[in-house]
Amino acid sequence: MSTPCESCSMPIESGRYCAYCTDEHGELQDFEVRFAAMVDWQQRSRPEDDRAALEADTLEFMASMPAWREHPRVVGR
């Protein structure tokens, strides 16, 4: 049975975070790295949207993720 990654919600078999959200040591990547990657993913999915809208939507999504909901950038959005 899969569970969602606590950083991005991707289904995973075990652990708290998926391979995309962790570094080479299996630790959660820092906020800025993950935020940039998530915004880039959104941009590939929605190339017509401007960067500010993509960033705002990404922060909104991250607010729903256990790994990020208490992060100052997310709380202060």
PDB file of N, CA and C in Angstrom:
ATOM      1  N   MET A   1       0.845  -1.183   0.000  1.00  0.00           N
ATOM      2  CA  MET A   1       0.000   0.000   0.000  1.00  0.00           C
ATOM      3  C   MET A   1       0.887   1.243   0.000  1.00  0.00           C
ATOM      4  N   SER A   2       0.569   2.190  -0.860  1.00  0.00           N
ATOM      5  CA  SER A   2       1.383   3.397  -0.930  1.00  0.00           C
ATOM      6  C   SER A   2       0.805   4.489  -0.029  1.00  0.00           C
ATOM      7  N   THR A   3       1.696   5.379   0.361  1.00  0.00           N
ATOM      8  CA  THR A   3       1.321   6.551   1.149  1.00  0.00           C
ATOM      9  C   THR A   3       1.863   7.770   0.408  1.00  0.00           C
ATOM     10  N   PRO A   4       1.334   8.949   0.669  1.00  0.00           N
ATOM     11  CA  PRO A   4       1.849  10.128  -0.039  1.00  0.00           C
ATOM     12  C   PRO A   4       3.125  10.675   0.593  1.00  0.00           C
ATOM     13  N   CYS A   5       4.004  11.167  -0.244  1.00  0.00           N
ATOM     14  CA  CYS A   5       5.187  11.888   0.224  1.00  0.00           C
ATOM     15  C   CYS A   5       4.703  13.103   1.005  1.00  0.00           C
ATOM     16  N   GLU A   6       5.312  13.354   2.145  1.00  0.00           N
ATOM     17  CA  GLU A   6       4.904  14.482   2.990  1.00  0.00           C
ATOM     18  C   GLU A   6       5.366  15.830   2.446  1.00  0.00           C
ATOM     19  N   SER A   7       6.144  15.813   1.383  1.00  0.00           N
ATOM     20  CA  SER A   7       6.628  17.043   0.781  1.00  0.00           C
ATOM     21  C   SER A   7       5.848  17.405  -0.485  1.00  0.00           C
ATOM     22  N   CYS A   8       5.549  16.411  -1.330  1.00  0.00           N
ATOM     23  CA  CYS A   8       4.933  16.700  -2.637  1.00  0.00           C
ATOM     24  C   CYS A   8       3.657  15.913  -2.940  1.00  0.00           C
ATOM     25  N   SER A   9       3.340  14.943  -2.123  1.00  0.00           N
ATOM     26  CA  SER A   9       2.155  14.077  -2.236  1.00  0.00           C
ATOM     27  C   SER A   9       2.285  12.941  -3.253  1.00  0.00           C
ATOM     28  N   MET A  10       3.463  12.752  -3.837  1.00  0.00           N
ATOM     29  CA  MET A  10       3.654  11.630  -4.750  1.00  0.00           C
ATOM     30  C   MET A  10       3.489  10.318  -3.971  1.00  0.00           C
ATOM     31  N   PRO A  11       2.820   9.336  -4.540  1.00  0.00           N
ATOM     32  CA  PRO A  11       2.695   8.052  -3.837  1.00  0.00           C
ATOM     33  C   PRO A  11       4.060   7.385  -3.662  1.00  0.00           C
ATOM     34  N   ILE A  12       4.317   6.884  -2.455  1.00  0.00           N
ATOM     35  CA  ILE A  12       5.563   6.176  -2.162  1.00  0.00           C
ATOM     36  C   ILE A  12       5.242   4.919  -1.384  1.00  0.00           C
ATOM     37  N   GLU A  13       6.127   3.961  -1.441  1.00  0.00           N
ATOM     38  CA  GLU A  13       5.920   2.688  -0.758  1.00  0.00           C
ATOM     39  C   GLU A  13       6.297   2.732   0.715  1.00  0.00           C
ATOM     40  N   SER A  14       7.314   3.511   1.045  1.00  0.00           N
ATOM     41  CA  SER A  14       7.738   3.579   2.441  1.00  0.00           C
ATOM     42  C   SER A  14       8.456   4.886   2.709  1.00  0.00           C
ATOM     43  N   GLY A  15       8.591   5.226   3.966  1.00  0.00           N
ATOM     44  CA  GLY A  15       9.271   6.453   4.355  1.00  0.00           C
ATOM     45  C   GLY A  15       8.340   7.647   4.327  1.00  0.00           C
ATOM     46  N   ARG A  16       8.915   8.802   4.561  1.00  0.00           N
ATOM     47  CA  ARG A  16       8.127  10.035   4.598  1.00  0.00           C
ATOM     48  C   ARG A  16       8.209  10.833   3.309  1.00  0.00           C
ATOM     49  N   TYR A  17       9.338  10.683   2.579  1.00  0.00           N
ATOM     50  CA  TYR A  17       9.569  11.521   1.409  1.00  0.00           C
ATOM     51  C   TYR A  17       9.960  10.682   0.198  1.00  0.00           C
ATOM     52  N   CYS A  18       9.575  11.151  -0.987  1.00  0.00           N
ATOM     53  CA  CYS A  18       9.927  10.449  -2.222  1.00  0.00           C
ATOM     54  C   CYS A  18      11.365  10.764  -2.632  1.00  0.00           C
ATOM     55  N   ALA A  19      11.831  10.064  -3.642  1.00  0.00           N
ATOM     56  CA  ALA A  19      13.202  10.250  -4.135  1.00  0.00           C
ATOM     57  C   ALA A  19      13.415  11.641  -4.736  1.00  0.00           C
ATOM     58  N   TYR A  20      12.367  12.274  -5.245  1.00  0.00           N
ATOM     59  CA  TYR A  20      12.493  13.608  -5.822  1.00  0.00           C
ATOM     60  C   TYR A  20      12.698  14.688  -4.758  1.00  0.00           C
ATOM     61  N   CYS A  21      12.224  14.430  -3.548  1.00  0.00           N
ATOM     62  CA  CYS A  21      12.259  15.430  -2.481  1.00  0.00           C
ATOM     63  C   CYS A  21      13.434  15.252  -1.519  1.00  0.00           C
ATOM     64  N   THR A  22      14.241  14.236  -1.735  1.00  0.00           N
ATOM     65  CA  THR A  22      15.361  13.982  -0.835  1.00  0.00           C
ATOM     66  C   THR A  22      16.700  14.206  -1.535  1.00  0.00           C
ATOM     67  N   ASP A  23      17.710  14.433  -0.714  1.00  0.00           N
ATOM     68  CA  ASP A  23      19.063  14.603  -1.243  1.00  0.00           C
ATOM     69  C   ASP A  23      19.755  13.245  -1.339  1.00  0.00           C
ATOM     70  N   GLU A  24      21.033  13.263  -1.646  1.00  0.00           N
ATOM     71  CA  GLU A  24      21.790  12.017  -1.823  1.00  0.00           C
ATOM     72  C   GLU A  24      21.924  11.202  -0.533  1.00  0.00           C
ATOM     73  N   HIS A  25      21.615  11.809   0.608  1.00  0.00           N
ATOM     74  CA  HIS A  25      21.686  11.108   1.896  1.00  0.00           C
ATOM     75  C   HIS A  25      20.309  10.658   2.383  1.00  0.00           C
ATOM     76  N   GLY A  26      19.285  10.880   1.560  1.00  0.00           N
ATOM     77  CA  GLY A  26      17.935  10.498   1.933  1.00  0.00           C
ATOM     78  C   GLY A  26      17.224  11.501   2.820  1.00  0.00           C
ATOM     79  N   GLU A  27      17.831  12.681   3.000  1.00  0.00           N
ATOM     80  CA  GLU A  27      17.241  13.732   3.823  1.00  0.00           C
ATOM     81  C   GLU A  27      16.390  14.662   2.953  1.00  0.00           C
ATOM     82  N   LEU A  28      15.370  15.234   3.535  1.00  0.00           N
ATOM     83  CA  LEU A  28      14.528  16.185   2.821  1.00  0.00           C
ATOM     84  C   LEU A  28      15.375  17.361   2.341  1.00  0.00           C
ATOM     85  N   GLN A  29      15.237  17.701   1.057  1.00  0.00           N
ATOM     86  CA  GLN A  29      15.948  18.851   0.511  1.00  0.00           C
ATOM     87  C   GLN A  29      15.467  20.119   1.209  1.00  0.00           C
ATOM     88  N   ASP A  30      16.288  21.165   1.165  1.00  0.00           N
ATOM     89  CA  ASP A  30      15.859  22.399   1.826  1.00  0.00           C
ATOM     90  C   ASP A  30      14.722  23.047   1.052  1.00  0.00           C
ATOM     91  N   PHE A  31      14.054  23.952   1.716  1.00  0.00           N
ATOM     92  CA  PHE A  31      12.857  24.568   1.164  1.00  0.00           C
ATOM     93  C   PHE A  31      13.095  25.194  -0.201  1.00  0.00           C
ATOM     94  N   GLU A  32      14.142  25.994  -0.329  1.00  0.00           N
ATOM     95  CA  GLU A  32      14.369  26.718  -1.583  1.00  0.00           C
ATOM     96  C   GLU A  32      14.571  25.769  -2.769  1.00  0.00           C
ATOM     97  N   VAL A  33      15.264  24.669  -2.546  1.00  0.00           N
ATOM     98  CA  VAL A  33      15.482  23.677  -3.609  1.00  0.00           C
ATOM     99  C   VAL A  33      14.155  23.062  -4.026  1.00  0.00           C
ATOM    100  N   ARG A  34      13.354  22.646  -3.065  1.00  0.00           N
ATOM    101  CA  ARG A  34      12.062  22.021  -3.352  1.00  0.00           C
ATOM    102  C   ARG A  34      11.098  23.008  -3.971  1.00  0.00           C
ATOM    103  N   PHE A  35      11.060  24.230  -3.438  1.00  0.00           N
ATOM    104  CA  PHE A  35      10.165  25.248  -3.978  1.00  0.00           C
ATOM    105  C   PHE A  35      10.481  25.507  -5.452  1.00  0.00           C
ATOM    106  N   ALA A  36      11.755  25.705  -5.771  1.00  0.00           N
ATOM    107  CA  ALA A  36      12.159  25.959  -7.162  1.00  0.00           C
ATOM    108  C   ALA A  36      11.780  24.794  -8.067  1.00  0.00           C
ATOM    109  N   ALA A  37      12.002  23.571  -7.601  1.00  0.00           N
ATOM    110  CA  ALA A  37      11.663  22.399  -8.413  1.00  0.00           C
ATOM    111  C   ALA A  37      10.156  22.293  -8.630  1.00  0.00           C
ATOM    112  N   MET A  38       9.380  22.596  -7.601  1.00  0.00           N
ATOM    113  CA  MET A  38       7.925  22.514  -7.728  1.00  0.00           C
ATOM    114  C   MET A  38       7.385  23.611  -8.653  1.00  0.00           C
ATOM    115  N   VAL A  39       7.950  24.802  -8.566  1.00  0.00           N
ATOM    116  CA  VAL A  39       7.529  25.881  -9.471  1.00  0.00           C
ATOM    117  C   VAL A  39       7.893  25.510 -10.902  1.00  0.00           C
ATOM    118  N   ASP A  40       9.086  24.969 -11.118  1.00  0.00           N
ATOM    119  CA  ASP A  40       9.497  24.545 -12.458  1.00  0.00           C
ATOM    120  C   ASP A  40       8.555  23.477 -13.013  1.00  0.00           C
ATOM    121  N   TRP A  41       8.154  22.539 -12.174  1.00  0.00           N
ATOM    122  CA  TRP A  41       7.206  21.503 -12.603  1.00  0.00           C
ATOM    123  C   TRP A  41       5.886  22.150 -13.015  1.00  0.00           C
ATOM    124  N   GLN A  42       5.402  23.094 -12.216  1.00  0.00           N
ATOM    125  CA  GLN A  42       4.159  23.800 -12.548  1.00  0.00           C
ATOM    126  C   GLN A  42       4.313  24.534 -13.885  1.00  0.00           C
ATOM    127  N   GLN A  43       5.470  25.135 -14.097  1.00  0.00           N
ATOM    128  CA  GLN A  43       5.684  25.887 -15.335  1.00  0.00           C
ATOM    129  C   GLN A  43       5.648  24.978 -16.559  1.00  0.00           C
ATOM    130  N   ARG A  44       6.165  23.775 -16.423  1.00  0.00           N
ATOM    131  CA  ARG A  44       6.090  22.827 -17.541  1.00  0.00           C
ATOM    132  C   ARG A  44       4.649  22.403 -17.797  1.00  0.00           C
ATOM    133  N   SER A  45       3.841  22.312 -16.758  1.00  0.00           N
ATOM    134  CA  SER A  45       2.440  21.919 -16.880  1.00  0.00           C
ATOM    135  C   SER A  45       1.551  23.064 -17.352  1.00  0.00           C
ATOM    136  N   ARG A  46       1.952  24.291 -16.994  1.00  0.00           N
ATOM    137  CA  ARG A  46       1.130  25.476 -17.293  1.00  0.00           C
ATOM    138  C   ARG A  46       1.998  26.597 -17.858  1.00  0.00           C
ATOM    139  N   PRO A  47       2.569  26.397 -19.038  1.00  0.00           N
ATOM    140  CA  PRO A  47       3.510  27.382 -19.584  1.00  0.00           C
ATOM    141  C   PRO A  47       2.890  28.755 -19.849  1.00  0.00           C
ATOM    142  N   GLU A  48       1.586  28.809 -19.949  1.00  0.00           N
ATOM    143  CA  GLU A  48       0.924  30.091 -20.223  1.00  0.00           C
ATOM    144  C   GLU A  48       0.821  30.988 -18.984  1.00  0.00           C
ATOM    145  N   ASP A  49       1.007  30.424 -17.788  1.00  0.00           N
ATOM    146  CA  ASP A  49       0.889  31.188 -16.541  1.00  0.00           C
ATOM    147  C   ASP A  49       2.182  31.934 -16.225  1.00  0.00           C
ATOM    148  N   ASP A  50       2.046  33.113 -15.622  1.00  0.00           N
ATOM    149  CA  ASP A  50       3.248  33.856 -15.254  1.00  0.00           C
ATOM    150  C   ASP A  50       3.865  33.295 -13.975  1.00  0.00           C
ATOM    151  N   ARG A  51       5.116  33.620 -13.784  1.00  0.00           N
ATOM    152  CA  ARG A  51       5.902  33.066 -12.679  1.00  0.00           C
ATOM    153  C   ARG A  51       5.287  33.394 -11.316  1.00  0.00           C
ATOM    154  N   ALA A  52       4.789  34.599 -11.136  1.00  0.00           N
ATOM    155  CA  ALA A  52       4.204  34.991  -9.845  1.00  0.00           C
ATOM    156  C   ALA A  52       2.997  34.116  -9.503  1.00  0.00           C
ATOM    157  N   ALA A  53       2.162  33.834 -10.469  1.00  0.00           N
ATOM    158  CA  ALA A  53       0.995  32.971 -10.229  1.00  0.00           C
ATOM    159  C   ALA A  53       1.433  31.550  -9.893  1.00  0.00           C
ATOM    160  N   LEU A  54       2.438  31.061 -10.597  1.00  0.00           N
ATOM    161  CA  LEU A  54       2.938  29.711 -10.331  1.00  0.00           C
ATOM    162  C   LEU A  54       3.534  29.623  -8.922  1.00  0.00           C
ATOM    163  N   GLU A  55       4.277  30.641  -8.532  1.00  0.00           N
ATOM    164  CA  GLU A  55       4.860  30.654  -7.187  1.00  0.00           C
ATOM    165  C   GLU A  55       3.771  30.712  -6.117  1.00  0.00           C
ATOM    166  N   ALA A  56       2.762  31.534  -6.324  1.00  0.00           N
ATOM    167  CA  ALA A  56       1.664  31.632  -5.350  1.00  0.00           C
ATOM    168  C   ALA A  56       0.924  30.302  -5.234  1.00  0.00           C
ATOM    169  N   ASP A  57       0.650  29.668  -6.361  1.00  0.00           N
ATOM    170  CA  ASP A  57      -0.034  28.370  -6.338  1.00  0.00           C
ATOM    171  C   ASP A  57       0.828  27.303  -5.667  1.00  0.00           C
ATOM    172  N   THR A  58       2.125  27.350  -5.904  1.00  0.00           N
ATOM    173  CA  THR A  58       3.027  26.379  -5.290  1.00  0.00           C
ATOM    174  C   THR A  58       3.070  26.564  -3.780  1.00  0.00           C
ATOM    175  N   LEU A  59       3.134  27.800  -3.311  1.00  0.00           N
ATOM    176  CA  LEU A  59       3.110  28.051  -1.864  1.00  0.00           C
ATOM    177  C   LEU A  59       1.796  27.567  -1.253  1.00  0.00           C
ATOM    178  N   GLU A  60       0.709  27.774  -1.953  1.00  0.00           N
ATOM    179  CA  GLU A  60      -0.598  27.301  -1.472  1.00  0.00           C
ATOM    180  C   GLU A  60      -0.598  25.779  -1.350  1.00  0.00           C
ATOM    181  N   PHE A  61      -0.062  25.103  -2.351  1.00  0.00           N
ATOM    182  CA  PHE A  61       0.023  23.642  -2.299  1.00  0.00           C
ATOM    183  C   PHE A  61       0.920  23.191  -1.156  1.00  0.00           C
ATOM    184  N   MET A  62       2.075  23.831  -1.027  1.00  0.00           N
ATOM    185  CA  MET A  62       3.021  23.440   0.021  1.00  0.00           C
ATOM    186  C   MET A  62       2.424  23.618   1.419  1.00  0.00           C
ATOM    187  N   ALA A  63       1.504  24.561   1.557  1.00  0.00           N
ATOM    188  CA  ALA A  63       0.836  24.773   2.845  1.00  0.00           C
ATOM    189  C   ALA A  63       0.009  23.556   3.260  1.00  0.00           C
ATOM    190  N   SER A  64      -0.351  22.728   2.304  1.00  0.00           N
ATOM    191  CA  SER A  64      -1.131  21.529   2.615  1.00  0.00           C
ATOM    192  C   SER A  64      -0.255  20.304   2.905  1.00  0.00           C
ATOM    193  N   MET A  65       1.048  20.446   2.736  1.00  0.00           N
ATOM    194  CA  MET A  65       1.976  19.339   2.928  1.00  0.00           C
ATOM    195  C   MET A  65       2.610  19.386   4.320  1.00  0.00           C
ATOM    196  N   PRO A  66       2.596  18.259   5.038  1.00  0.00           N
ATOM    197  CA  PRO A  66       3.162  18.229   6.392  1.00  0.00           C
ATOM    198  C   PRO A  66       4.605  18.721   6.478  1.00  0.00           C
ATOM    199  N   ALA A  67       5.402  18.466   5.466  1.00  0.00           N
ATOM    200  CA  ALA A  67       6.809  18.867   5.504  1.00  0.00           C
ATOM    201  C   ALA A  67       6.987  20.387   5.487  1.00  0.00           C
ATOM    202  N   TRP A  68       6.016  21.112   4.948  1.00  0.00           N
ATOM    203  CA  TRP A  68       6.209  22.542   4.707  1.00  0.00           C
ATOM    204  C   TRP A  68       5.213  23.456   5.406  1.00  0.00           C
ATOM    205  N   ARG A  69       4.139  22.945   5.934  1.00  0.00           N
ATOM    206  CA  ARG A  69       3.068  23.822   6.433  1.00  0.00           C
ATOM    207  C   ARG A  69       3.510  24.786   7.525  1.00  0.00           C
ATOM    208  N   GLU A  70       4.588  24.479   8.251  1.00  0.00           N
ATOM    209  CA  GLU A  70       5.080  25.373   9.299  1.00  0.00           C
ATOM    210  C   GLU A  70       6.270  26.227   8.860  1.00  0.00           C
ATOM    211  N   HIS A  71       6.715  26.058   7.616  1.00  0.00           N
ATOM    212  CA  HIS A  71       7.871  26.805   7.125  1.00  0.00           C
ATOM    213  C   HIS A  71       7.508  28.287   7.040  1.00  0.00           C
ATOM    214  N   PRO A  72       8.414  29.192   7.454  1.00  0.00           N
ATOM    215  CA  PRO A  72       8.113  30.635   7.432  1.00  0.00           C
ATOM    216  C   PRO A  72       7.663  31.180   6.080  1.00  0.00           C
ATOM    217  N   ARG A  73       8.242  30.704   4.989  1.00  0.00           N
ATOM    218  CA  ARG A  73       7.820  31.182   3.661  1.00  0.00           C
ATOM    219  C   ARG A  73       6.382  30.785   3.352  1.00  0.00           C
ATOM    220  N   VAL A  74       5.969  29.623   3.849  1.00  0.00           N
ATOM    221  CA  VAL A  74       4.616  29.140   3.609  1.00  0.00           C
ATOM    222  C   VAL A  74       3.631  29.861   4.535  1.00  0.00           C
ATOM    223  N   VAL A  75       3.996  29.966   5.794  1.00  0.00           N
ATOM    224  CA  VAL A  75       3.125  30.624   6.761  1.00  0.00           C
ATOM    225  C   VAL A  75       2.937  32.103   6.401  1.00  0.00           C
ATOM    226  N   GLY A  76       3.984  32.745   5.925  1.00  0.00           N
ATOM    227  CA  GLY A  76       3.937  34.166   5.614  1.00  0.00           C
ATOM    228  C   GLY A  76       3.431  34.517   4.233  1.00  0.00           C
ATOM    229  N   ARG A  77       2.921  33.553   3.522  1.00  0.00           N
ATOM    230  CA  ARG A  77       2.513  33.813   2.132  1.00  0.00           C
ATOM    231  C   ARG A  77       1.416  34.801   1.992  1.00  0.00           C
TER     232      ARG A  77
END
